[in-house]
């Protein structure tokens, strides 16, 4: 995220649903229900345009 804008092509509602899990991954945490500690699966809340995102922590 640069300058307060969402990444191109992602609506605000979808991006807002990603933020909690994205923060966990950015700051080194993991989600206890995920088999891979470097991933998160997040569903968009829009019932008209269902999308499921897979977030992956980038290896440095």
C-alpha atoms as a PDB file:
ATOM      1  CA  UNK A   1       0.000   0.000   0.000  1.00  0.00           C
ATOM      2  CA  UNK A   2       1.470   3.293  -1.092  1.00  0.00           C
ATOM      3  CA  UNK A   3      -0.017   6.693  -0.355  1.00  0.00           C
ATOM      4  CA  UNK A   4      -3.210   5.377   1.197  1.00  0.00           C
ATOM      5  CA  UNK A   5      -4.388   3.685  -2.022  1.00  0.00           C
ATOM      6  CA  UNK A   6      -5.451   0.067  -2.289  1.00  0.00           C
ATOM      7  CA  UNK A   7      -3.514  -2.092  -4.745  1.00  0.00           C
ATOM      8  CA  UNK A   8      -4.800  -1.746  -8.303  1.00  0.00           C
ATOM      9  CA  UNK A   9      -7.834  -3.901  -9.033  1.00  0.00           C
ATOM     10  CA  UNK A  10      -8.817  -4.568  -5.409  1.00  0.00           C
ATOM     11  CA  UNK A  11     -11.913  -2.846  -4.048  1.00  0.00           C
ATOM     12  CA  UNK A  12     -11.855  -1.312  -0.588  1.00  0.00           C
ATOM     13  CA  UNK A  13     -14.116  -3.999   0.939  1.00  0.00           C
ATOM     14  CA  UNK A  14     -11.894  -6.816  -0.273  1.00  0.00           C
ATOM     15  CA  UNK A  15      -8.737  -5.031   0.846  1.00  0.00           C
ATOM     16  CA  UNK A  16     -10.243  -4.301   4.256  1.00  0.00           C
ATOM     17  CA  UNK A  17     -10.980  -8.016   4.714  1.00  0.00           C
ATOM     18  CA  UNK A  18      -7.312  -8.828   3.923  1.00  0.00           C
ATOM     19  CA  UNK A  19      -5.757  -6.350   6.367  1.00  0.00           C
ATOM     20  CA  UNK A  20      -6.010  -8.297   9.665  1.00  0.00           C
ATOM     21  CA  UNK A  21      -4.332 -11.435   8.292  1.00  0.00           C
ATOM     22  CA  UNK A  22      -1.930  -9.377   6.207  1.00  0.00           C
ATOM     23  CA  UNK A  23      -0.701  -7.620   9.349  1.00  0.00           C
ATOM     24  CA  UNK A  24      -0.197 -10.970  11.084  1.00  0.00           C
ATOM     25  CA  UNK A  25       2.027 -12.193   8.243  1.00  0.00           C
ATOM     26  CA  UNK A  26       3.929  -8.897   7.879  1.00  0.00           C
ATOM     27  CA  UNK A  27       4.891  -8.846  11.559  1.00  0.00           C
ATOM     28  CA  UNK A  28       6.040 -12.473  11.733  1.00  0.00           C
ATOM     29  CA  UNK A  29       2.951 -14.098  13.182  1.00  0.00           C
ATOM     30  CA  UNK A  30       1.008 -17.072  11.900  1.00  0.00           C
ATOM     31  CA  UNK A  31      -2.583 -18.238  11.932  1.00  0.00           C
ATOM     32  CA  UNK A  32      -2.918 -21.376  14.116  1.00  0.00           C
ATOM     33  CA  UNK A  33      -5.541 -22.992  11.847  1.00  0.00           C
ATOM     34  CA  UNK A  34      -3.318 -22.836   8.741  1.00  0.00           C
ATOM     35  CA  UNK A  35      -1.008 -25.791   7.975  1.00  0.00           C
ATOM     36  CA  UNK A  36       1.569 -23.454   6.406  1.00  0.00           C
ATOM     37  CA  UNK A  37       2.568 -20.679   8.853  1.00  0.00           C
ATOM     38  CA  UNK A  38       3.465 -18.418   5.914  1.00  0.00           C
ATOM     39  CA  UNK A  39      -0.028 -18.362   4.363  1.00  0.00           C
ATOM     40  CA  UNK A  40      -3.523 -17.053   5.004  1.00  0.00           C
ATOM     41  CA  UNK A  41      -6.753 -17.683   3.091  1.00  0.00           C
ATOM     42  CA  UNK A  42      -9.235 -14.793   3.077  1.00  0.00           C
ATOM     43  CA  UNK A  43     -12.652 -14.563   1.397  1.00  0.00           C
ATOM     44  CA  UNK A  44     -14.020 -11.312   0.013  1.00  0.00           C
ATOM     45  CA  UNK A  45     -17.269 -10.301   1.766  1.00  0.00           C
ATOM     46  CA  UNK A  46     -19.039  -9.319  -1.492  1.00  0.00           C
ATOM     47  CA  UNK A  47     -21.745 -11.959  -2.152  1.00  0.00           C
ATOM     48  CA  UNK A  48     -22.174 -10.795  -5.769  1.00  0.00           C
ATOM     49  CA  UNK A  49     -18.484 -11.262  -6.655  1.00  0.00           C
ATOM     50  CA  UNK A  50     -17.054 -14.068  -4.516  1.00  0.00           C
ATOM     51  CA  UNK A  51     -13.262 -14.112  -4.501  1.00  0.00           C
ATOM     52  CA  UNK A  52     -10.888 -16.057  -2.258  1.00  0.00           C
ATOM     53  CA  UNK A  53      -7.389 -14.653  -1.735  1.00  0.00           C
ATOM     54  CA  UNK A  54      -4.321 -16.594  -0.686  1.00  0.00           C
ATOM     55  CA  UNK A  55      -1.774 -14.429   1.106  1.00  0.00           C
ATOM     56  CA  UNK A  56       1.808 -15.690   1.267  1.00  0.00           C
ATOM     57  CA  UNK A  57       4.653 -14.277   3.307  1.00  0.00           C
ATOM     58  CA  UNK A  58       7.536 -13.410   0.962  1.00  0.00           C
ATOM     59  CA  UNK A  59      10.853 -15.061   1.756  1.00  0.00           C
ATOM     60  CA  UNK A  60      13.710 -12.596   2.051  1.00  0.00           C
END
